[in-house]
Amino acid sequence: MWQHRSLLLVLLAAASVVPFFLGSYWIYLVDLFLINAIVAVGLNLLTGNAGQISLCHSSFMAIGAYTTAVLSTRYGVPFWLTLPIAITVAAGTGALLGFPARRLSDIYLGLATFGFLQIVQIAIEELADLTGGVRGINIAKPSFFGIPLASDHSMFYFVLIVMVVMIWIATNLMRSRYGRAFNAIRQSPYAAQALGIPVERIKLIAFSLSAVYAAVGGSLLAALVGFIDPLEFNVVATLRHITFIVVGGLGSIAGSVIGALVLTALPELLRGAKEYMEVIYACILLAFLLFMPKGLIVGLQIVREAAKRLIPSRGRPSPAPPLD
């Protein structure tokens, strides 16, 4: 768990310096990374830990974003109230999807979740009077309990706090019996059931929890950008989320954050190849699946183990010199 503590400390330290050393655009990119990290953590809980394939993670993100946008724009509901409503709607929708999908696995589960993604896309486009359809919908700058989040600094701190809370929840969840049940189901559903773990109920919890994380990310994205449209939540977005967790490391919360950081920064480093980004993401995903399936988090673990061997621990006696 050393990775989780280190990440939290780094993020909290960044809160005191980032807004004062970066311009508006770079603060926006950091906000985007924090939101991507929340979304990636939620998907990793479902896929990396519980072993359930999902090709509709961006759909739950869309549910969170459009719930916030419609309630705040059409009905004047304050942002601090739209966020828990979005979480509730996404959790309920995740449970509705997870209920029939709990009996599916592998390619059949992937196809079912992909079908749900298409349904959400069609619903957004067809309900144009409510969602804005393909034209999208504008969102006013939000406030949280009367505190405006219009400035770069206030939005940054708000997103950072939400992200730290979500990581803290995920970390404690994985230490609990539910986290152990997730990992047991991933390794062998039949063995988990033989041990008395309610496999179908745990799968349902995993779907709902993943949907909540995606909805939080979607709501924050809507508040940050101020405009959303269906293209933000299509199948390409879902594949990008999958790339986050594969690059960072499946089953690792710290890996989710690392993958989100690397792949949020990548478009800026390859700005000249923007029209080829989808191909680049696909190549990265394929390369990691083939040659580094455990992700970048393994590299950190190797460095840590090497440091343990090279740097003797305090209080541990040094090895005696060899006898002549």
C-alpha atoms as a PDB file:
ATOM      1  CA  MET A   1       0.000   0.000   0.000  1.00  0.00           C
ATOM      2  CA  TRP A   2       3.034   2.261  -0.073  1.00  0.00           C
ATOM      3  CA  GLN A   3       2.064   3.465  -3.578  1.00  0.00           C
ATOM      4  CA  HIS A   4      -1.316   4.748  -2.376  1.00  0.00           C
ATOM      5  CA  ARG A   5       0.128   6.693   0.556  1.00  0.00           C
ATOM      6  CA  SER A   6       2.844   8.175  -1.636  1.00  0.00           C
ATOM      7  CA  LEU A   7       0.327   9.260  -4.287  1.00  0.00           C
ATOM      8  CA  LEU A   8      -1.914  10.929  -1.731  1.00  0.00           C
ATOM      9  CA  LEU A   9       1.025  12.797  -0.217  1.00  0.00           C
ATOM     10  CA  VAL A  10       2.247  13.922  -3.650  1.00  0.00           C
ATOM     11  CA  LEU A  11      -1.234  15.150  -4.613  1.00  0.00           C
ATOM     12  CA  LEU A  12      -1.688  17.055  -1.386  1.00  0.00           C
ATOM     13  CA  ALA A  13       1.741  18.650  -1.796  1.00  0.00           C
ATOM     14  CA  ALA A  14       0.873  19.588  -5.378  1.00  0.00           C
ATOM     15  CA  ALA A  15      -2.203  21.444  -4.116  1.00  0.00           C
ATOM     16  CA  SER A  16      -0.007  24.055  -2.461  1.00  0.00           C
ATOM     17  CA  VAL A  17       2.157  24.784  -5.496  1.00  0.00           C
ATOM     18  CA  VAL A  18       0.449  23.903  -8.789  1.00  0.00           C
ATOM     19  CA  PRO A  19      -1.934  26.888  -9.113  1.00  0.00           C
ATOM     20  CA  PHE A  20       0.861  29.358  -8.369  1.00  0.00           C
ATOM     21  CA  PHE A  21       3.395  28.093 -10.896  1.00  0.00           C
ATOM     22  CA  LEU A  22       1.242  27.158 -13.871  1.00  0.00           C
ATOM     23  CA  GLY A  23      -0.902  29.140 -16.270  1.00  0.00           C
ATOM     24  CA  SER A  24      -4.609  28.609 -16.851  1.00  0.00           C
ATOM     25  CA  TYR A  25      -4.183  26.070 -19.631  1.00  0.00           C
ATOM     26  CA  TRP A  26      -1.756  23.896 -17.655  1.00  0.00           C
ATOM     27  CA  ILE A  27      -4.007  24.021 -14.597  1.00  0.00           C
ATOM     28  CA  TYR A  28      -6.819  22.844 -16.869  1.00  0.00           C
ATOM     29  CA  LEU A  29      -4.663  19.891 -17.979  1.00  0.00           C
ATOM     30  CA  VAL A  30      -3.923  18.987 -14.360  1.00  0.00           C
ATOM     31  CA  ASP A  31      -7.668  19.128 -13.619  1.00  0.00           C
ATOM     32  CA  LEU A  32      -8.249  16.845 -16.600  1.00  0.00           C
ATOM     33  CA  PHE A  33      -5.650  14.403 -15.286  1.00  0.00           C
ATOM     34  CA  LEU A  34      -7.325  14.324 -11.856  1.00  0.00           C
ATOM     35  CA  ILE A  35     -10.715  13.624 -13.458  1.00  0.00           C
ATOM     36  CA  ASN A  36      -9.218  10.909 -15.672  1.00  0.00           C
ATOM     37  CA  ALA A  37      -7.653   9.346 -12.579  1.00  0.00           C
ATOM     38  CA  ILE A  38     -11.063   9.133 -10.860  1.00  0.00           C
ATOM     39  CA  VAL A  39     -12.584   7.493 -13.944  1.00  0.00           C
ATOM     40  CA  ALA A  40      -9.643   5.082 -14.305  1.00  0.00           C
ATOM     41  CA  VAL A  41      -9.796   4.024 -10.647  1.00  0.00           C
ATOM     42  CA  GLY A  42     -13.489   3.163 -11.032  1.00  0.00           C
ATOM     43  CA  LEU A  43     -12.887   1.097 -14.162  1.00  0.00           C
ATOM     44  CA  ASN A  44      -9.943  -0.687 -12.549  1.00  0.00           C
ATOM     45  CA  LEU A  45     -12.086  -1.699  -9.575  1.00  0.00           C
ATOM     46  CA  LEU A  46     -14.501  -3.377 -11.996  1.00  0.00           C
ATOM     47  CA  THR A  47     -12.088  -4.822 -14.563  1.00  0.00           C
ATOM     48  CA  GLY A  48      -8.704  -5.072 -12.870  1.00  0.00           C
ATOM     49  CA  ASN A  49      -9.969  -6.225  -9.461  1.00  0.00           C
ATOM     50  CA  ALA A  50     -13.376  -7.837 -10.040  1.00  0.00           C
ATOM     51  CA  GLY A  51     -12.440  -9.170 -13.493  1.00  0.00           C
ATOM     52  CA  GLN A  52     -15.558  -7.857 -15.277  1.00  0.00           C
ATOM     53  CA  ILE A  53     -15.133  -6.536 -18.813  1.00  0.00           C
ATOM     54  CA  SER A  54     -16.868  -3.212 -19.470  1.00  0.00           C
ATOM     55  CA  LEU A  55     -17.079  -1.374 -22.779  1.00  0.00           C
ATOM     56  CA  CYS A  56     -19.555   1.210 -21.504  1.00  0.00           C
ATOM     57  CA  HIS A  57     -17.583   3.086 -18.844  1.00  0.00           C
ATOM     58  CA  SER A  58     -17.887   6.307 -20.835  1.00  0.00           C
ATOM     59  CA  SER A  59     -21.685   5.834 -20.814  1.00  0.00           C
ATOM     60  CA  PHE A  60     -21.799   6.152 -17.029  1.00  0.00           C
ATOM     61  CA  MET A  61     -19.533   9.162 -17.370  1.00  0.00           C
ATOM     62  CA  ALA A  62     -22.101  10.590 -19.798  1.00  0.00           C
ATOM     63  CA  ILE A  63     -24.901   9.887 -17.302  1.00  0.00           C
ATOM     64  CA  GLY A  64     -23.047  11.898 -14.656  1.00  0.00           C
ATOM     65  CA  ALA A  65     -22.192  14.730 -17.034  1.00  0.00           C
ATOM     66  CA  TYR A  66     -25.667  15.078 -18.553  1.00  0.00           C
ATOM     67  CA  THR A  67     -27.430  14.763 -15.191  1.00  0.00           C
ATOM     68  CA  THR A  68     -25.355  17.671 -13.907  1.00  0.00           C
ATOM     69  CA  ALA A  69     -25.748  19.667 -17.125  1.00  0.00           C
ATOM     70  CA  VAL A  70     -29.509  19.189 -17.516  1.00  0.00           C
ATOM     71  CA  LEU A  71     -30.367  19.801 -13.861  1.00  0.00           C
ATOM     72  CA  SER A  72     -28.195  22.909 -13.588  1.00  0.00           C
ATOM     73  CA  THR A  73     -29.009  24.390 -17.000  1.00  0.00           C
ATOM     74  CA  ARG A  74     -32.662  23.454 -17.503  1.00  0.00           C
ATOM     75  CA  TYR A  75     -33.881  23.482 -13.901  1.00  0.00           C
ATOM     76  CA  GLY A  76     -31.428  25.691 -12.026  1.00  0.00           C
ATOM     77  CA  VAL A  77     -30.380  23.006  -9.518  1.00  0.00           C
ATOM     78  CA  PRO A  78     -27.115  23.995  -7.757  1.00  0.00           C
ATOM     79  CA  PHE A  79     -24.012  21.970  -8.601  1.00  0.00           C
ATOM     80  CA  TRP A  80     -23.512  20.685  -5.051  1.00  0.00           C
ATOM     81  CA  LEU A  81     -26.924  19.006  -5.344  1.00  0.00           C
ATOM     82  CA  THR A  82     -26.535  17.713  -8.902  1.00  0.00           C
ATOM     83  CA  LEU A  83     -23.411  15.752  -7.930  1.00  0.00           C
ATOM     84  CA  PRO A  84     -25.129  13.374  -5.446  1.00  0.00           C
ATOM     85  CA  ILE A  85     -28.107  13.077  -7.808  1.00  0.00           C
ATOM     86  CA  ALA A  86     -25.760  12.073 -10.634  1.00  0.00           C
ATOM     87  CA  ILE A  87     -24.113   9.526  -8.336  1.00  0.00           C
ATOM     88  CA  THR A  88     -27.505   8.056  -7.397  1.00  0.00           C
ATOM     89  CA  VAL A  89     -28.701   7.853 -11.010  1.00  0.00           C
ATOM     90  CA  ALA A  90     -25.441   6.236 -12.148  1.00  0.00           C
ATOM     91  CA  ALA A  91     -25.423   3.741  -9.269  1.00  0.00           C
ATOM     92  CA  GLY A  92     -28.998   2.740 -10.057  1.00  0.00           C
ATOM     93  CA  THR A  93     -28.266   2.426 -13.772  1.00  0.00           C
ATOM     94  CA  GLY A  94     -25.135   0.424 -13.020  1.00  0.00           C
ATOM     95  CA  ALA A  95     -27.196  -1.953 -10.884  1.00  0.00           C
ATOM     96  CA  LEU A  96     -29.807  -2.296 -13.652  1.00  0.00           C
ATOM     97  CA  LEU A  97     -27.076  -3.171 -16.152  1.00  0.00           C
ATOM     98  CA  GLY A  98     -25.197  -5.367 -13.701  1.00  0.00           C
ATOM     99  CA  PHE A  99     -28.276  -7.418 -12.763  1.00  0.00           C
ATOM    100  CA  PRO A 100     -28.651  -9.219 -16.119  1.00  0.00           C
ATOM    101  CA  ALA A 101     -24.916  -8.963 -16.856  1.00  0.00           C
ATOM    102  CA  ARG A 102     -23.927 -10.711 -13.628  1.00  0.00           C
ATOM    103  CA  ARG A 103     -24.480 -14.086 -15.321  1.00  0.00           C
ATOM    104  CA  LEU A 104     -22.318 -13.178 -18.309  1.00  0.00           C
ATOM    105  CA  SER A 105     -18.567 -13.279 -18.724  1.00  0.00           C
ATOM    106  CA  ASP A 106     -15.784 -12.703 -21.251  1.00  0.00           C
ATOM    107  CA  ILE A 107     -16.901 -11.728 -24.766  1.00  0.00           C
ATOM    108  CA  TYR A 108     -20.616 -11.981 -23.923  1.00  0.00           C
ATOM    109  CA  LEU A 109     -20.250  -9.435 -21.118  1.00  0.00           C
ATOM    110  CA  GLY A 110     -18.232  -7.181 -23.423  1.00  0.00           C
ATOM    111  CA  LEU A 111     -20.946  -7.302 -26.085  1.00  0.00           C
ATOM    112  CA  ALA A 112     -23.689  -6.587 -23.538  1.00  0.00           C
ATOM    113  CA  THR A 113     -21.889  -3.528 -22.179  1.00  0.00           C
ATOM    114  CA  PHE A 114     -21.108  -2.350 -25.718  1.00  0.00           C
ATOM    115  CA  GLY A 115     -24.822  -2.557 -26.516  1.00  0.00           C
ATOM    116  CA  PHE A 116     -25.563  -0.402 -23.467  1.00  0.00           C
ATOM    117  CA  LEU A 117     -23.050   2.182 -24.727  1.00  0.00           C
ATOM    118  CA  GLN A 118     -24.886   2.385 -28.057  1.00  0.00           C
ATOM    119  CA  ILE A 119     -28.252   2.765 -26.290  1.00  0.00           C
ATOM    120  CA  VAL A 120     -26.959   5.691 -24.209  1.00  0.00           C
ATOM    121  CA  GLN A 121     -25.489   7.358 -27.313  1.00  0.00           C
ATOM    122  CA  ILE A 122     -28.793   7.060 -29.180  1.00  0.00           C
ATOM    123  CA  ALA A 123     -30.770   8.338 -26.176  1.00  0.00           C
ATOM    124  CA  ILE A 124     -28.559  11.442 -25.884  1.00  0.00           C
ATOM    125  CA  GLU A 125     -28.949  12.234 -29.580  1.00  0.00           C
ATOM    126  CA  GLU A 126     -32.685  11.550 -29.753  1.00  0.00           C
ATOM    127  CA  LEU A 127     -33.627  13.515 -26.617  1.00  0.00           C
ATOM    128  CA  ALA A 128     -32.324  16.719 -28.158  1.00  0.00           C
ATOM    129  CA  ASP A 129     -34.842  18.962 -26.382  1.00  0.00           C
ATOM    130  CA  LEU A 130     -33.377  17.841 -23.072  1.00  0.00           C
ATOM    131  CA  THR A 131     -29.735  17.031 -23.817  1.00  0.00           C
ATOM    132  CA  GLY A 132     -29.036  19.308 -26.767  1.00  0.00           C
ATOM    133  CA  GLY A 133     -28.489  16.283 -29.015  1.00  0.00           C
ATOM    134  CA  VAL A 134     -25.492  16.379 -31.320  1.00  0.00           C
ATOM    135  CA  ARG A 135     -25.229  20.158 -30.777  1.00  0.00           C
ATOM    136  CA  GLY A 136     -24.275  19.630 -27.149  1.00  0.00           C
ATOM    137  CA  ILE A 137     -25.231  21.636 -24.094  1.00  0.00           C
ATOM    138  CA  ASN A 138     -23.580  24.566 -22.317  1.00  0.00           C
ATOM    139  CA  ILE A 139     -23.083  24.576 -18.541  1.00  0.00           C
ATOM    140  CA  ALA A 140     -22.689  27.620 -16.352  1.00  0.00           C
ATOM    141  CA  LYS A 141     -19.703  27.794 -13.998  1.00  0.00           C
ATOM    142  CA  PRO A 142     -20.728  25.937 -10.836  1.00  0.00           C
ATOM    143  CA  SER A 143     -20.593  26.866  -7.179  1.00  0.00           C
ATOM    144  CA  PHE A 144     -20.278  24.596  -4.165  1.00  0.00           C
ATOM    145  CA  PHE A 145     -22.378  25.645  -1.156  1.00  0.00           C
ATOM    146  CA  GLY A 146     -22.182  29.259  -2.276  1.00  0.00           C
ATOM    147  CA  ILE A 147     -18.435  29.134  -3.053  1.00  0.00           C
ATOM    148  CA  PRO A 148     -17.966  29.923  -6.773  1.00  0.00           C
ATOM    149  CA  LEU A 149     -15.736  27.532  -8.714  1.00  0.00           C
ATOM    150  CA  ALA A 150     -15.253  29.970 -11.560  1.00  0.00           C
ATOM    151  CA  SER A 151     -11.533  30.586 -11.026  1.00  0.00           C
ATOM    152  CA  ASP A 152      -8.772  28.164 -12.015  1.00  0.00           C
ATOM    153  CA  HIS A 153      -7.544  27.890  -8.419  1.00  0.00           C
ATOM    154  CA  SER A 154     -10.912  27.114  -6.839  1.00  0.00           C
ATOM    155  CA  MET A 155     -11.787  24.487  -9.456  1.00  0.00           C
ATOM    156  CA  PHE A 156      -8.360  22.884  -9.081  1.00  0.00           C
ATOM    157  CA  TYR A 157      -8.653  22.565  -5.320  1.00  0.00           C
ATOM    158  CA  PHE A 158     -12.180  21.216  -5.565  1.00  0.00           C
ATOM    159  CA  VAL A 159     -11.276  18.553  -8.156  1.00  0.00           C
ATOM    160  CA  LEU A 160      -8.153  17.626  -6.200  1.00  0.00           C
ATOM    161  CA  ILE A 161     -10.097  17.124  -2.960  1.00  0.00           C
ATOM    162  CA  VAL A 162     -12.724  14.993  -4.718  1.00  0.00           C
ATOM    163  CA  MET A 163     -10.004  12.891  -6.345  1.00  0.00           C
ATOM    164  CA  VAL A 164      -8.169  12.297  -3.045  1.00  0.00           C
ATOM    165  CA  VAL A 165     -11.452  11.303  -1.361  1.00  0.00           C
ATOM    166  CA  MET A 166     -12.276   8.865  -4.175  1.00  0.00           C
ATOM    167  CA  ILE A 167      -8.810   7.269  -3.973  1.00  0.00           C
ATOM    168  CA  TRP A 168      -9.136   7.016  -0.202  1.00  0.00           C
ATOM    169  CA  ILE A 169     -12.492   5.256  -0.582  1.00  0.00           C
ATOM    170  CA  ALA A 170     -11.100   2.847  -3.188  1.00  0.00           C
ATOM    171  CA  THR A 171      -8.021   2.084  -1.072  1.00  0.00           C
ATOM    172  CA  ASN A 172     -10.085   1.291   2.009  1.00  0.00           C
ATOM    173  CA  LEU A 173     -12.523  -0.745  -0.064  1.00  0.00           C
ATOM    174  CA  MET A 174      -9.721  -2.947  -1.412  1.00  0.00           C
ATOM    175  CA  ARG A 175      -8.509  -3.565   2.150  1.00  0.00           C
ATOM    176  CA  SER A 176     -11.989  -4.687   3.199  1.00  0.00           C
ATOM    177  CA  ARG A 177     -13.719  -8.020   2.674  1.00  0.00           C
ATOM    178  CA  TYR A 178     -15.324  -6.614  -0.481  1.00  0.00           C
ATOM    179  CA  GLY A 179     -11.916  -5.964  -2.003  1.00  0.00           C
ATOM    180  CA  ARG A 180     -10.859  -9.503  -1.178  1.00  0.00           C
ATOM    181  CA  ALA A 181     -14.094 -10.762  -2.716  1.00  0.00           C
ATOM    182  CA  PHE A 182     -13.416  -8.748  -5.901  1.00  0.00           C
ATOM    183  CA  ASN A 183      -9.994 -10.363  -6.288  1.00  0.00           C
ATOM    184  CA  ALA A 184     -11.339 -13.828  -5.511  1.00  0.00           C
ATOM    185  CA  ILE A 185     -13.994 -13.514  -8.224  1.00  0.00           C
ATOM    186  CA  ARG A 186     -11.390 -12.326 -10.728  1.00  0.00           C
ATOM    187  CA  GLN A 187      -9.169 -15.325 -10.037  1.00  0.00           C
ATOM    188  CA  SER A 188     -11.948 -17.951 -10.038  1.00  0.00           C
ATOM    189  CA  PRO A 189     -15.697 -17.320  -9.654  1.00  0.00           C
ATOM    190  CA  TYR A 190     -16.278 -21.006  -8.953  1.00  0.00           C
ATOM    191  CA  ALA A 191     -13.688 -21.152  -6.178  1.00  0.00           C
ATOM    192  CA  ALA A 192     -15.063 -17.891  -4.738  1.00  0.00           C
ATOM    193  CA  GLN A 193     -18.582 -19.354  -4.685  1.00  0.00           C
ATOM    194  CA  ALA A 194     -17.271 -22.512  -3.013  1.00  0.00           C
ATOM    195  CA  LEU A 195     -15.785 -20.289  -0.293  1.00  0.00           C
ATOM    196  CA  GLY A 196     -19.202 -18.773   0.389  1.00  0.00           C
ATOM    197  CA  ILE A 197     -18.719 -15.493  -1.495  1.00  0.00           C
ATOM    198  CA  PRO A 198     -22.009 -14.298  -3.092  1.00  0.00           C
ATOM    199  CA  VAL A 199     -20.545 -13.943  -6.584  1.00  0.00           C
ATOM    200  CA  GLU A 200     -23.566 -12.397  -8.316  1.00  0.00           C
ATOM    201  CA  ARG A 201     -24.110  -9.824  -5.554  1.00  0.00           C
ATOM    202  CA  ILE A 202     -20.423  -8.835  -5.553  1.00  0.00           C
ATOM    203  CA  LYS A 203     -20.511  -8.396  -9.341  1.00  0.00           C
ATOM    204  CA  LEU A 204     -23.562  -6.155  -8.934  1.00  0.00           C
ATOM    205  CA  ILE A 205     -21.724  -4.061  -6.328  1.00  0.00           C
ATOM    206  CA  ALA A 206     -18.690  -3.789  -8.622  1.00  0.00           C
ATOM    207  CA  PHE A 207     -20.809  -2.514 -11.524  1.00  0.00           C
ATOM    208  CA  SER A 208     -22.595   0.056  -9.367  1.00  0.00           C
ATOM    209  CA  LEU A 209     -19.362   1.251  -7.747  1.00  0.00           C
ATOM    210  CA  SER A 210     -17.618   1.620 -11.100  1.00  0.00           C
ATOM    211  CA  ALA A 211     -20.602   3.573 -12.416  1.00  0.00           C
ATOM    212  CA  VAL A 212     -20.390   5.949  -9.429  1.00  0.00           C
ATOM    213  CA  TYR A 213     -16.725   6.732 -10.120  1.00  0.00           C
ATOM    214  CA  ALA A 214     -17.470   7.355 -13.795  1.00  0.00           C
ATOM    215  CA  ALA A 215     -20.429   9.618 -12.916  1.00  0.00           C
ATOM    216  CA  VAL A 216     -18.288  11.690 -10.540  1.00  0.00           C
ATOM    217  CA  GLY A 217     -15.721  12.099 -13.313  1.00  0.00           C
ATOM    218  CA  GLY A 218     -18.427  13.063 -15.797  1.00  0.00           C
ATOM    219  CA  SER A 219     -19.968  15.647 -13.468  1.00  0.00           C
ATOM    220  CA  LEU A 220     -16.575  17.215 -12.793  1.00  0.00           C
ATOM    221  CA  LEU A 221     -15.758  17.240 -16.509  1.00  0.00           C
ATOM    222  CA  ALA A 222     -19.025  19.023 -17.300  1.00  0.00           C
ATOM    223  CA  ALA A 223     -18.303  21.633 -14.631  1.00  0.00           C
ATOM    224  CA  LEU A 224     -14.702  22.081 -15.782  1.00  0.00           C
ATOM    225  CA  VAL A 225     -15.252  22.342 -19.538  1.00  0.00           C
ATOM    226  CA  GLY A 226     -18.613  24.123 -19.490  1.00  0.00           C
ATOM    227  CA  PHE A 227     -19.794  22.280 -22.607  1.00  0.00           C
ATOM    228  CA  ILE A 228     -20.444  18.612 -23.416  1.00  0.00           C
ATOM    229  CA  ASP A 229     -21.617  16.677 -26.470  1.00  0.00           C
ATOM    230  CA  PRO A 230     -22.102  12.964 -27.260  1.00  0.00           C
ATOM    231  CA  LEU A 231     -18.699  12.624 -28.945  1.00  0.00           C
ATOM    232  CA  GLU A 232     -17.039  12.990 -25.533  1.00  0.00           C
ATOM    233  CA  PHE A 233     -18.561   9.676 -24.415  1.00  0.00           C
ATOM    234  CA  ASN A 234     -18.381   7.338 -27.400  1.00  0.00           C
ATOM    235  CA  VAL A 235     -16.567   4.029 -27.825  1.00  0.00           C
ATOM    236  CA  VAL A 236     -13.261   5.824 -28.417  1.00  0.00           C
ATOM    237  CA  ALA A 237     -13.528   7.357 -24.941  1.00  0.00           C
ATOM    238  CA  THR A 238     -14.173   3.917 -23.429  1.00  0.00           C
ATOM    239  CA  LEU A 239     -11.126   2.446 -25.184  1.00  0.00           C
ATOM    240  CA  ARG A 240      -9.082   5.383 -23.871  1.00  0.00           C
ATOM    241  CA  HIS A 241     -10.219   4.552 -20.327  1.00  0.00           C
ATOM    242  CA  ILE A 242      -9.227   0.911 -20.842  1.00  0.00           C
ATOM    243  CA  THR A 243      -5.816   2.081 -22.047  1.00  0.00           C
ATOM    244  CA  PHE A 244      -5.397   4.081 -18.816  1.00  0.00           C
ATOM    245  CA  ILE A 245      -5.678   0.997 -16.628  1.00  0.00           C
ATOM    246  CA  VAL A 246      -3.711  -1.327 -18.931  1.00  0.00           C
ATOM    247  CA  VAL A 247      -0.793   1.105 -19.182  1.00  0.00           C
ATOM    248  CA  GLY A 248      -0.844   1.888 -15.464  1.00  0.00           C
ATOM    249  CA  GLY A 249      -1.475  -1.639 -14.243  1.00  0.00           C
ATOM    250  CA  LEU A 250      -4.600  -3.775 -13.942  1.00  0.00           C
ATOM    251  CA  GLY A 251      -5.781  -4.254 -10.378  1.00  0.00           C
ATOM    252  CA  SER A 252      -3.732  -1.351  -9.016  1.00  0.00           C
ATOM    253  CA  ILE A 253      -5.178   1.939  -7.773  1.00  0.00           C
ATOM    254  CA  ALA A 254      -1.778   3.589  -8.031  1.00  0.00           C
ATOM    255  CA  GLY A 255      -1.448   2.169 -11.548  1.00  0.00           C
ATOM    256  CA  SER A 256      -4.758   3.805 -12.513  1.00  0.00           C
ATOM    257  CA  VAL A 257      -3.393   7.189 -11.476  1.00  0.00           C
ATOM    258  CA  ILE A 258      -0.092   6.613 -13.289  1.00  0.00           C
ATOM    259  CA  GLY A 259      -1.854   5.542 -16.481  1.00  0.00           C
ATOM    260  CA  ALA A 260      -4.150   8.584 -16.349  1.00  0.00           C
ATOM    261  CA  LEU A 261      -1.149  10.876 -15.829  1.00  0.00           C
ATOM    262  CA  VAL A 262       0.873   9.457 -18.712  1.00  0.00           C
ATOM    263  CA  LEU A 263      -1.967   9.350 -21.220  1.00  0.00           C
ATOM    264  CA  THR A 264      -3.382  12.754 -20.285  1.00  0.00           C
ATOM    265  CA  ALA A 265       0.029  14.283 -20.962  1.00  0.00           C
ATOM    266  CA  LEU A 266       0.591  12.281 -24.170  1.00  0.00           C
ATOM    267  CA  PRO A 267      -1.618  14.399 -26.501  1.00  0.00           C
ATOM    268  CA  GLU A 268       0.334  17.485 -25.426  1.00  0.00           C
ATOM    269  CA  LEU A 269       3.639  15.810 -26.205  1.00  0.00           C
ATOM    270  CA  LEU A 270       2.310  14.615 -29.572  1.00  0.00           C
ATOM    271  CA  ARG A 271       0.302  17.693 -30.470  1.00  0.00           C
ATOM    272  CA  GLY A 272       1.571  17.580 -34.061  1.00  0.00           C
ATOM    273  CA  ALA A 273       0.067  14.108 -34.522  1.00  0.00           C
ATOM    274  CA  LYS A 274      -3.347  14.950 -33.091  1.00  0.00           C
ATOM    275  CA  GLU A 275      -5.261  13.427 -36.003  1.00  0.00           C
ATOM    276  CA  TYR A 276      -3.518  10.097 -35.369  1.00  0.00           C
ATOM    277  CA  MET A 277      -4.143   9.938 -31.617  1.00  0.00           C
ATOM    278  CA  GLU A 278      -6.729   7.160 -31.884  1.00  0.00           C
ATOM    279  CA  VAL A 279      -4.252   4.997 -33.788  1.00  0.00           C
ATOM    280  CA  ILE A 280      -1.513   5.842 -31.279  1.00  0.00           C
ATOM    281  CA  TYR A 281      -3.746   4.875 -28.343  1.00  0.00           C
ATOM    282  CA  ALA A 282      -4.619   1.584 -30.061  1.00  0.00           C
ATOM    283  CA  CYS A 283      -0.940   0.806 -30.666  1.00  0.00           C
ATOM    284  CA  ILE A 284      -0.067   1.631 -27.036  1.00  0.00           C
ATOM    285  CA  LEU A 285      -2.866  -0.604 -25.766  1.00  0.00           C
ATOM    286  CA  LEU A 286      -1.781  -3.493 -27.990  1.00  0.00           C
ATOM    287  CA  ALA A 287       1.904  -3.073 -27.092  1.00  0.00           C
ATOM    288  CA  PHE A 288       1.246  -3.139 -23.346  1.00  0.00           C
ATOM    289  CA  LEU A 289      -1.100  -6.127 -23.604  1.00  0.00           C
ATOM    290  CA  LEU A 290       1.550  -8.074 -25.527  1.00  0.00           C
ATOM    291  CA  PHE A 291       4.818  -7.002 -23.910  1.00  0.00           C
ATOM    292  CA  MET A 292       4.000  -5.446 -20.531  1.00  0.00           C
ATOM    293  CA  PRO A 293       0.616  -6.776 -19.403  1.00  0.00           C
ATOM    294  CA  LYS A 294       1.163  -5.794 -15.757  1.00  0.00           C
ATOM    295  CA  GLY A 295       1.645  -2.109 -16.633  1.00  0.00           C
ATOM    296  CA  LEU A 296       3.986   0.613 -15.465  1.00  0.00           C
ATOM    297  CA  ILE A 297       3.282  -0.053 -11.785  1.00  0.00           C
ATOM    298  CA  VAL A 298       5.523  -3.117 -12.062  1.00  0.00           C
ATOM    299  CA  GLY A 299       8.440  -0.828 -12.861  1.00  0.00           C
ATOM    300  CA  LEU A 300       7.893   1.057  -9.592  1.00  0.00           C
ATOM    301  CA  GLN A 301       7.756  -2.203  -7.677  1.00  0.00           C
ATOM    302  CA  ILE A 302      11.029  -3.352  -9.269  1.00  0.00           C
ATOM    303  CA  VAL A 303      12.687  -0.058  -8.306  1.00  0.00           C
ATOM    304  CA  ARG A 304      11.410  -0.417  -4.761  1.00  0.00           C
ATOM    305  CA  GLU A 305      12.715  -3.972  -4.435  1.00  0.00           C
ATOM    306  CA  ALA A 306      16.073  -2.937  -5.878  1.00  0.00           C
ATOM    307  CA  ALA A 307      16.285  -0.040  -3.417  1.00  0.00           C
ATOM    308  CA  LYS A 308      15.577  -2.445  -0.553  1.00  0.00           C
ATOM    309  CA  ARG A 309      18.500  -4.616  -1.572  1.00  0.00           C
ATOM    310  CA  LEU A 310      20.906  -1.750  -2.186  1.00  0.00           C
ATOM    311  CA  ILE A 311      20.043   0.360   0.866  1.00  0.00           C
ATOM    312  CA  PRO A 312      20.296  -1.553   4.145  1.00  0.00           C
ATOM    313  CA  SER A 313      17.477  -0.966   6.608  1.00  0.00           C
ATOM    314  CA  ARG A 314      18.147   0.881   9.840  1.00  0.00           C
ATOM    315  CA  GLY A 315      19.001  -1.382  12.712  1.00  0.00           C
ATOM    316  CA  ARG A 316      19.835  -4.272  10.428  1.00  0.00           C
ATOM    317  CA  PRO A 317      23.433  -5.421  10.948  1.00  0.00           C
ATOM    318  CA  SER A 318      25.719  -5.246   7.961  1.00  0.00           C
ATOM    319  CA  PRO A 319      26.801  -8.606   6.602  1.00  0.00           C
ATOM    320  CA  ALA A 320      30.113  -9.856   7.948  1.00  0.00           C
ATOM    321  CA  PRO A 321      33.056  -9.703   5.563  1.00  0.00           C
ATOM    322  CA  PRO A 322      33.995 -13.026   4.003  1.00  0.00           C
ATOM    323  CA  LEU A 323      36.715 -15.061   5.717  1.00  0.00           C
ATOM    324  CA  ASP A 324      40.024 -15.420   3.972  1.00  0.00           C
END
